């Protein structure tokens, strides 16, 4: 799953979509590197969706820094889902 399909009907410009996709890819890579349960195939699609939606939500609230979007999404995941 990529973040791009979720952004299909959004108001983000192409440059913002690239930035959000980069933040999403970096966040997912961090989850995979952790080797935790949430990175395993049975959970991967759901976790990727959670990350994507959180990144989009924070961007809609005005956050434009990809590093902060990534870190926020990872923190949100850690606070709300057990690994």
PDB file of N, CA and C in Angstrom:
ATOM      1  N   UNK A   1       0.838  -1.186   0.000  1.00  0.00           N
ATOM      2  CA  UNK A   1       0.000   0.000   0.000  1.00  0.00           C
ATOM      3  C   UNK A   1       0.877   1.241   0.000  1.00  0.00           C
ATOM      4  N   UNK A   2       0.515   2.147  -0.826  1.00  0.00           N
ATOM      5  CA  UNK A   2       1.190   3.436  -0.906  1.00  0.00           C
ATOM      6  C   UNK A   2       0.244   4.491  -0.342  1.00  0.00           C
ATOM      7  N   UNK A   3       0.784   5.607   0.035  1.00  0.00           N
ATOM      8  CA  UNK A   3      -0.052   6.702   0.537  1.00  0.00           C
ATOM      9  C   UNK A   3      -0.781   7.401  -0.617  1.00  0.00           C
ATOM     10  N   UNK A   4      -0.255   7.282  -1.826  1.00  0.00           N
ATOM     11  CA  UNK A   4      -0.785   8.014  -2.971  1.00  0.00           C
ATOM     12  C   UNK A   4      -2.269   7.756  -3.243  1.00  0.00           C
ATOM     13  N   UNK A   5      -2.770   6.514  -3.210  1.00  0.00           N
ATOM     14  CA  UNK A   5      -4.205   6.321  -3.463  1.00  0.00           C
ATOM     15  C   UNK A   5      -5.104   7.052  -2.459  1.00  0.00           C
ATOM     16  N   UNK A   6      -4.659   7.154  -1.233  1.00  0.00           N
ATOM     17  CA  UNK A   6      -5.451   7.862  -0.218  1.00  0.00           C
ATOM     18  C   UNK A   6      -5.519   9.348  -0.536  1.00  0.00           C
ATOM     19  N   UNK A   7      -4.499   9.854  -1.208  1.00  0.00           N
ATOM     20  CA  UNK A   7      -4.420  11.278  -1.528  1.00  0.00           C
ATOM     21  C   UNK A   7      -5.085  11.637  -2.846  1.00  0.00           C
ATOM     22  N   UNK A   8      -5.655  10.671  -3.550  1.00  0.00           N
ATOM     23  CA  UNK A   8      -6.225  10.896  -4.873  1.00  0.00           C
ATOM     24  C   UNK A   8      -7.210  12.056  -4.912  1.00  0.00           C
ATOM     25  N   UNK A   9      -8.099  12.142  -3.969  1.00  0.00           N
ATOM     26  CA  UNK A   9      -9.120  13.190  -3.963  1.00  0.00           C
ATOM     27  C   UNK A   9      -8.819  14.287  -2.943  1.00  0.00           C
ATOM     28  N   UNK A  10      -7.541  14.480  -2.652  1.00  0.00           N
ATOM     29  CA  UNK A  10      -7.175  15.485  -1.658  1.00  0.00           C
ATOM     30  C   UNK A  10      -6.860  16.822  -2.330  1.00  0.00           C
ATOM     31  N   UNK A  11      -6.668  17.811  -1.509  1.00  0.00           N
ATOM     32  CA  UNK A  11      -6.362  19.144  -2.026  1.00  0.00           C
ATOM     33  C   UNK A  11      -4.867  19.427  -2.012  1.00  0.00           C
ATOM     34  N   UNK A  12      -4.048  18.400  -1.793  1.00  0.00           N
ATOM     35  CA  UNK A  12      -2.602  18.599  -1.776  1.00  0.00           C
ATOM     36  C   UNK A  12      -2.064  18.731  -3.202  1.00  0.00           C
ATOM     37  N   UNK A  13      -1.129  19.646  -3.390  1.00  0.00           N
ATOM     38  CA  UNK A  13      -0.506  19.804  -4.703  1.00  0.00           C
ATOM     39  C   UNK A  13       0.524  18.685  -4.911  1.00  0.00           C
ATOM     40  N   UNK A  14       0.986  18.505  -6.145  1.00  0.00           N
ATOM     41  CA  UNK A  14       1.920  17.409  -6.440  1.00  0.00           C
ATOM     42  C   UNK A  14       3.190  17.417  -5.573  1.00  0.00           C
ATOM     43  N   UNK A  15       3.710  18.591  -5.291  1.00  0.00           N
ATOM     44  CA  UNK A  15       4.906  18.680  -4.447  1.00  0.00           C
ATOM     45  C   UNK A  15       4.611  18.192  -3.028  1.00  0.00           C
ATOM     46  N   UNK A  16       3.462  18.569  -2.501  1.00  0.00           N
ATOM     47  CA  UNK A  16       3.077  18.124  -1.165  1.00  0.00           C
ATOM     48  C   UNK A  16       2.854  16.615  -1.141  1.00  0.00           C
ATOM     49  N   UNK A  17       2.270  16.075  -2.192  1.00  0.00           N
ATOM     50  CA  UNK A  17       2.050  14.627  -2.275  1.00  0.00           C
ATOM     51  C   UNK A  17       3.388  13.896  -2.220  1.00  0.00           C
ATOM     52  N   UNK A  18       4.388  14.392  -2.920  1.00  0.00           N
ATOM     53  CA  UNK A  18       5.720  13.781  -2.889  1.00  0.00           C
ATOM     54  C   UNK A  18       6.299  13.826  -1.482  1.00  0.00           C
ATOM     55  N   UNK A  19       6.137  14.954  -0.802  1.00  0.00           N
ATOM     56  CA  UNK A  19       6.650  15.109   0.550  1.00  0.00           C
ATOM     57  C   UNK A  19       5.944  14.149   1.506  1.00  0.00           C
ATOM     58  N   UNK A  20       4.620  14.038   1.378  1.00  0.00           N
ATOM     59  CA  UNK A  20       3.863  13.128   2.239  1.00  0.00           C
ATOM     60  C   UNK A  20       4.247  11.680   1.958  1.00  0.00           C
ATOM     61  N   UNK A  21       4.427  11.339   0.708  1.00  0.00           N
ATOM     62  CA  UNK A  21       4.838   9.984   0.344  1.00  0.00           C
ATOM     63  C   UNK A  21       6.219   9.669   0.924  1.00  0.00           C
ATOM     64  N   UNK A  22       7.107  10.633   0.896  1.00  0.00           N
ATOM     65  CA  UNK A  22       8.435  10.440   1.464  1.00  0.00           C
ATOM     66  C   UNK A  22       8.367  10.222   2.977  1.00  0.00           C
ATOM     67  N   UNK A  23       7.576  11.038   3.667  1.00  0.00           N
ATOM     68  CA  UNK A  23       7.410  10.880   5.115  1.00  0.00           C
ATOM     69  C   UNK A  23       6.811   9.510   5.442  1.00  0.00           C
ATOM     70  N   UNK A  24       5.833   9.099   4.655  1.00  0.00           N
ATOM     71  CA  UNK A  24       5.206   7.798   4.847  1.00  0.00           C
ATOM     72  C   UNK A  24       6.209   6.665   4.633  1.00  0.00           C
ATOM     73  N   UNK A  25       6.943   6.718   3.535  1.00  0.00           N
ATOM     74  CA  UNK A  25       7.931   5.678   3.243  1.00  0.00           C
ATOM     75  C   UNK A  25       8.979   5.580   4.350  1.00  0.00           C
ATOM     76  N   UNK A  26       9.429   6.728   4.839  1.00  0.00           N
ATOM     77  CA  UNK A  26      10.415   6.744   5.922  1.00  0.00           C
ATOM     78  C   UNK A  26       9.838   6.156   7.211  1.00  0.00           C
ATOM     79  N   UNK A  27       8.589   6.480   7.497  1.00  0.00           N
ATOM     80  CA  UNK A  27       7.945   5.941   8.705  1.00  0.00           C
ATOM     81  C   UNK A  27       7.792   4.429   8.596  1.00  0.00           C
ATOM     82  N   UNK A  28       7.351   3.949   7.454  1.00  0.00           N
ATOM     83  CA  UNK A  28       7.179   2.507   7.283  1.00  0.00           C
ATOM     84  C   UNK A  28       8.528   1.784   7.365  1.00  0.00           C
ATOM     85  N   UNK A  29       9.550   2.386   6.788  1.00  0.00           N
ATOM     86  CA  UNK A  29      10.889   1.800   6.868  1.00  0.00           C
ATOM     87  C   UNK A  29      11.343   1.678   8.323  1.00  0.00           C
ATOM     88  N   UNK A  30      11.044   2.680   9.137  1.00  0.00           N
ATOM     89  CA  UNK A  30      11.404   2.637  10.558  1.00  0.00           C
ATOM     90  C   UNK A  30      10.661   1.505  11.265  1.00  0.00           C
ATOM     91  N   UNK A  31       9.390   1.309  10.929  1.00  0.00           N
ATOM     92  CA  UNK A  31       8.622   0.214  11.528  1.00  0.00           C
ATOM     93  C   UNK A  31       9.247  -1.120  11.128  1.00  0.00           C
ATOM     94  N   UNK A  32       9.594  -1.261   9.875  1.00  0.00           N
ATOM     95  CA  UNK A  32      10.206  -2.504   9.411  1.00  0.00           C
ATOM     96  C   UNK A  32      11.552  -2.756  10.087  1.00  0.00           C
ATOM     97  N   UNK A  33      12.355  -1.718  10.225  1.00  0.00           N
ATOM     98  CA  UNK A  33      13.665  -1.867  10.884  1.00  0.00           C
ATOM     99  C   UNK A  33      13.522  -2.294  12.337  1.00  0.00           C
ATOM    100  N   UNK A  34      12.409  -1.913  12.963  1.00  0.00           N
ATOM    101  CA  UNK A  34      12.211  -2.269  14.368  1.00  0.00           C
ATOM    102  C   UNK A  34      12.068  -3.777  14.545  1.00  0.00           C
ATOM    103  N   UNK A  35      11.591  -4.452  13.503  1.00  0.00           N
ATOM    104  CA  UNK A  35      11.426  -5.896  13.577  1.00  0.00           C
ATOM    105  C   UNK A  35      10.299  -6.342  14.484  1.00  0.00           C
ATOM    106  N   UNK A  36       9.473  -5.422  14.903  1.00  0.00           N
ATOM    107  CA  UNK A  36       8.382  -5.743  15.808  1.00  0.00           C
ATOM    108  C   UNK A  36       7.211  -6.424  15.120  1.00  0.00           C
ATOM    109  N   UNK A  37       6.260  -6.814  15.911  1.00  0.00           N
ATOM    110  CA  UNK A  37       5.069  -7.506  15.435  1.00  0.00           C
ATOM    111  C   UNK A  37       4.318  -6.700  14.384  1.00  0.00           C
ATOM    112  N   UNK A  38       4.254  -5.392  14.548  1.00  0.00           N
ATOM    113  CA  UNK A  38       3.469  -4.560  13.633  1.00  0.00           C
ATOM    114  C   UNK A  38       4.032  -4.515  12.220  1.00  0.00           C
ATOM    115  N   UNK A  39       5.261  -4.947  12.054  1.00  0.00           N
ATOM    116  CA  UNK A  39       5.859  -4.956  10.715  1.00  0.00           C
ATOM    117  C   UNK A  39       5.613  -6.274   9.987  1.00  0.00           C
ATOM    118  N   UNK A  40       5.045  -7.234  10.659  1.00  0.00           N
ATOM    119  CA  UNK A  40       4.820  -8.553  10.061  1.00  0.00           C
ATOM    120  C   UNK A  40       3.616  -8.536   9.128  1.00  0.00           C
ATOM    121  N   UNK A  41       3.618  -9.428   8.144  1.00  0.00           N
ATOM    122  CA  UNK A  41       2.567  -9.444   7.115  1.00  0.00           C
ATOM    123  C   UNK A  41       1.114  -9.393   7.615  1.00  0.00           C
ATOM    124  N   UNK A  42       0.763 -10.103   8.686  1.00  0.00           N
ATOM    125  CA  UNK A  42      -0.648 -10.023   9.094  1.00  0.00           C
ATOM    126  C   UNK A  42      -1.099  -8.620   9.525  1.00  0.00           C
ATOM    127  N   UNK A  43      -0.151  -7.783   9.928  1.00  0.00           N
ATOM    128  CA  UNK A  43      -0.475  -6.450  10.436  1.00  0.00           C
ATOM    129  C   UNK A  43      -0.063  -5.323   9.488  1.00  0.00           C
ATOM    130  N   UNK A  44       0.779  -5.629   8.530  1.00  0.00           N
ATOM    131  CA  UNK A  44       1.417  -4.595   7.716  1.00  0.00           C
ATOM    132  C   UNK A  44       0.427  -3.660   7.022  1.00  0.00           C
ATOM    133  N   UNK A  45      -0.589  -4.196   6.386  1.00  0.00           N
ATOM    134  CA  UNK A  45      -1.529  -3.336   5.645  1.00  0.00           C
ATOM    135  C   UNK A  45      -2.243  -2.366   6.586  1.00  0.00           C
ATOM    136  N   UNK A  46      -2.683  -2.857   7.732  1.00  0.00           N
ATOM    137  CA  UNK A  46      -3.396  -2.003   8.688  1.00  0.00           C
ATOM    138  C   UNK A  46      -2.464  -0.935   9.269  1.00  0.00           C
ATOM    139  N   UNK A  47      -1.245  -1.330   9.594  1.00  0.00           N
ATOM    140  CA  UNK A  47      -0.285  -0.381  10.166  1.00  0.00           C
ATOM    141  C   UNK A  47       0.091   0.682   9.140  1.00  0.00           C
ATOM    142  N   UNK A  48       0.286   0.274   7.904  1.00  0.00           N
ATOM    143  CA  UNK A  48       0.596   1.244   6.849  1.00  0.00           C
ATOM    144  C   UNK A  48      -0.554   2.239   6.667  1.00  0.00           C
ATOM    145  N   UNK A  49      -1.779   1.762   6.772  1.00  0.00           N
ATOM    146  CA  UNK A  49      -2.931   2.664   6.658  1.00  0.00           C
ATOM    147  C   UNK A  49      -2.975   3.649   7.825  1.00  0.00           C
ATOM    148  N   UNK A  50      -2.697   3.168   9.029  1.00  0.00           N
ATOM    149  CA  UNK A  50      -2.668   4.054  10.199  1.00  0.00           C
ATOM    150  C   UNK A  50      -1.611   5.133  10.006  1.00  0.00           C
ATOM    151  N   UNK A  51      -0.420   4.739   9.582  1.00  0.00           N
ATOM    152  CA  UNK A  51       0.646   5.717   9.352  1.00  0.00           C
ATOM    153  C   UNK A  51       0.235   6.743   8.302  1.00  0.00           C
ATOM    154  N   UNK A  52      -0.312   6.271   7.199  1.00  0.00           N
ATOM    155  CA  UNK A  52      -0.720   7.171   6.111  1.00  0.00           C
ATOM    156  C   UNK A  52      -1.774   8.170   6.585  1.00  0.00           C
ATOM    157  N   UNK A  53      -2.777   7.677   7.265  1.00  0.00           N
ATOM    158  CA  UNK A  53      -3.857   8.563   7.712  1.00  0.00           C
ATOM    159  C   UNK A  53      -3.363   9.579   8.733  1.00  0.00           C
ATOM    160  N   UNK A  54      -2.453   9.167   9.612  1.00  0.00           N
ATOM    161  CA  UNK A  54      -1.927  10.110  10.602  1.00  0.00           C
ATOM    162  C   UNK A  54      -1.084  11.190   9.918  1.00  0.00           C
ATOM    163  N   UNK A  55      -0.261  10.799   8.973  1.00  0.00           N
ATOM    164  CA  UNK A  55       0.566  11.767   8.256  1.00  0.00           C
ATOM    165  C   UNK A  55      -0.319  12.759   7.506  1.00  0.00           C
ATOM    166  N   UNK A  56      -1.343  12.270   6.854  1.00  0.00           N
ATOM    167  CA  UNK A  56      -2.273  13.150   6.138  1.00  0.00           C
ATOM    168  C   UNK A  56      -2.984  14.090   7.098  1.00  0.00           C
ATOM    169  N   UNK A  57      -3.446  13.546   8.217  1.00  0.00           N
ATOM    170  CA  UNK A  57      -4.150  14.370   9.213  1.00  0.00           C
ATOM    171  C   UNK A  57      -3.265  15.505   9.706  1.00  0.00           C
ATOM    172  N   UNK A  58      -2.019  15.191  10.025  1.00  0.00           N
ATOM    173  CA  UNK A  58      -1.125  16.227  10.530  1.00  0.00           C
ATOM    174  C   UNK A  58      -0.766  17.242   9.436  1.00  0.00           C
ATOM    175  N   UNK A  59      -0.662  16.797   8.213  1.00  0.00           N
ATOM    176  CA  UNK A  59      -0.412  17.734   7.110  1.00  0.00           C
ATOM    177  C   UNK A  59      -1.606  18.657   6.915  1.00  0.00           C
ATOM    178  N   UNK A  60      -2.802  18.124   7.065  1.00  0.00           N
ATOM    179  CA  UNK A  60      -4.006  18.954   6.953  1.00  0.00           C
ATOM    180  C   UNK A  60      -4.074  19.985   8.076  1.00  0.00           C
ATOM    181  N   UNK A  61      -3.449  19.677   9.204  1.00  0.00           N
ATOM    182  CA  UNK A  61      -3.399  20.615  10.328  1.00  0.00           C
ATOM    183  C   UNK A  61      -2.279  21.643  10.167  1.00  0.00           C
ATOM    184  N   UNK A  62      -1.482  21.491   9.090  1.00  0.00           N
ATOM    185  CA  UNK A  62      -0.474  22.498   8.799  1.00  0.00           C
ATOM    186  C   UNK A  62       0.973  22.064   8.939  1.00  0.00           C
ATOM    187  N   UNK A  63       1.216  20.848   9.385  1.00  0.00           N
ATOM    188  CA  UNK A  63       2.600  20.386   9.508  1.00  0.00           C
ATOM    189  C   UNK A  63       3.167  20.107   8.114  1.00  0.00           C
ATOM    190  N   UNK A  64       4.297  20.700   7.805  1.00  0.00           N
ATOM    191  CA  UNK A  64       4.884  20.527   6.476  1.00  0.00           C
ATOM    192  C   UNK A  64       6.299  19.945   6.523  1.00  0.00           C
ATOM    193  N   UNK A  65       6.807  19.683   7.696  1.00  0.00           N
ATOM    194  CA  UNK A  65       8.147  19.137   7.840  1.00  0.00           C
ATOM    195  C   UNK A  65       8.077  17.613   7.767  1.00  0.00           C
ATOM    196  N   UNK A  66       8.675  17.000   6.737  1.00  0.00           N
ATOM    197  CA  UNK A  66       8.583  15.545   6.582  1.00  0.00           C
ATOM    198  C   UNK A  66       9.121  14.766   7.780  1.00  0.00           C
ATOM    199  N   UNK A  67      10.197  15.256   8.389  1.00  0.00           N
ATOM    200  CA  UNK A  67      10.766  14.574   9.552  1.00  0.00           C
ATOM    201  C   UNK A  67       9.784  14.594  10.721  1.00  0.00           C
ATOM    202  N   UNK A  68       9.147  15.723  10.930  1.00  0.00           N
ATOM    203  CA  UNK A  68       8.164  15.818  12.020  1.00  0.00           C
ATOM    204  C   UNK A  68       6.931  14.965  11.731  1.00  0.00           C
ATOM    205  N   UNK A  69       6.519  14.917  10.478  1.00  0.00           N
ATOM    206  CA  UNK A  69       5.383  14.065  10.110  1.00  0.00           C
ATOM    207  C   UNK A  69       5.709  12.602  10.391  1.00  0.00           C
ATOM    208  N   UNK A  70       6.902  12.189  10.007  1.00  0.00           N
ATOM    209  CA  UNK A  70       7.354  10.819  10.255  1.00  0.00           C
ATOM    210  C   UNK A  70       7.379  10.518  11.748  1.00  0.00           C
ATOM    211  N   UNK A  71       8.022  11.382  12.520  1.00  0.00           N
ATOM    212  CA  UNK A  71       8.155  11.158  13.958  1.00  0.00           C
ATOM    213  C   UNK A  71       6.800  11.152  14.653  1.00  0.00           C
ATOM    214  N   UNK A  72       5.924  12.053  14.250  1.00  0.00           N
ATOM    215  CA  UNK A  72       4.585  12.091  14.840  1.00  0.00           C
ATOM    216  C   UNK A  72       3.825  10.807  14.549  1.00  0.00           C
ATOM    217  N   UNK A  73       3.913  10.331  13.312  1.00  0.00           N
ATOM    218  CA  UNK A  73       3.208   9.102  12.946  1.00  0.00           C
ATOM    219  C   UNK A  73       3.736   7.913  13.741  1.00  0.00           C
ATOM    220  N   UNK A  74       5.051   7.842  13.913  1.00  0.00           N
ATOM    221  CA  UNK A  74       5.633   6.747  14.688  1.00  0.00           C
ATOM    222  C   UNK A  74       5.249   6.834  16.160  1.00  0.00           C
ATOM    223  N   UNK A  75       5.226   8.042  16.685  1.00  0.00           N
ATOM    224  CA  UNK A  75       4.818   8.230  18.079  1.00  0.00           C
ATOM    225  C   UNK A  75       3.347   7.856  18.249  1.00  0.00           C
ATOM    226  N   UNK A  76       2.509   8.269  17.325  1.00  0.00           N
ATOM    227  CA  UNK A  76       1.083   7.924  17.365  1.00  0.00           C
ATOM    228  C   UNK A  76       0.903   6.410  17.363  1.00  0.00           C
ATOM    229  N   UNK A  77       1.651   5.738  16.515  1.00  0.00           N
ATOM    230  CA  UNK A  77       1.582   4.280  16.425  1.00  0.00           C
ATOM    231  C   UNK A  77       2.008   3.650  17.755  1.00  0.00           C
ATOM    232  N   UNK A  78       3.101   4.112  18.310  1.00  0.00           N
ATOM    233  CA  UNK A  78       3.611   3.562  19.571  1.00  0.00           C
ATOM    234  C   UNK A  78       2.643   3.779  20.726  1.00  0.00           C
ATOM    235  N   UNK A  79       1.974   4.915  20.731  1.00  0.00           N
ATOM    236  CA  UNK A  79       1.050   5.242  21.826  1.00  0.00           C
ATOM    237  C   UNK A  79      -0.275   4.502  21.720  1.00  0.00           C
ATOM    238  N   UNK A  80      -0.667   4.115  20.517  1.00  0.00           N
ATOM    239  CA  UNK A  80      -2.007   3.569  20.323  1.00  0.00           C
ATOM    240  C   UNK A  80      -2.061   2.101  19.932  1.00  0.00           C
ATOM    241  N   UNK A  81      -0.934   1.517  19.599  1.00  0.00           N
ATOM    242  CA  UNK A  81      -0.912   0.116  19.152  1.00  0.00           C
ATOM    243  C   UNK A  81       0.240  -0.605  19.811  1.00  0.00           C
ATOM    244  N   UNK A  82      -0.054  -1.779  20.312  1.00  0.00           N
ATOM    245  CA  UNK A  82       1.001  -2.576  20.953  1.00  0.00           C
ATOM    246  C   UNK A  82       1.803  -3.309  19.911  1.00  0.00           C
ATOM    247  N   UNK A  83       3.093  -3.358  20.130  1.00  0.00           N
ATOM    248  CA  UNK A  83       3.974  -4.063  19.219  1.00  0.00           C
ATOM    249  C   UNK A  83       4.320  -5.417  19.795  1.00  0.00           C
TER     250      UNK A  83
END
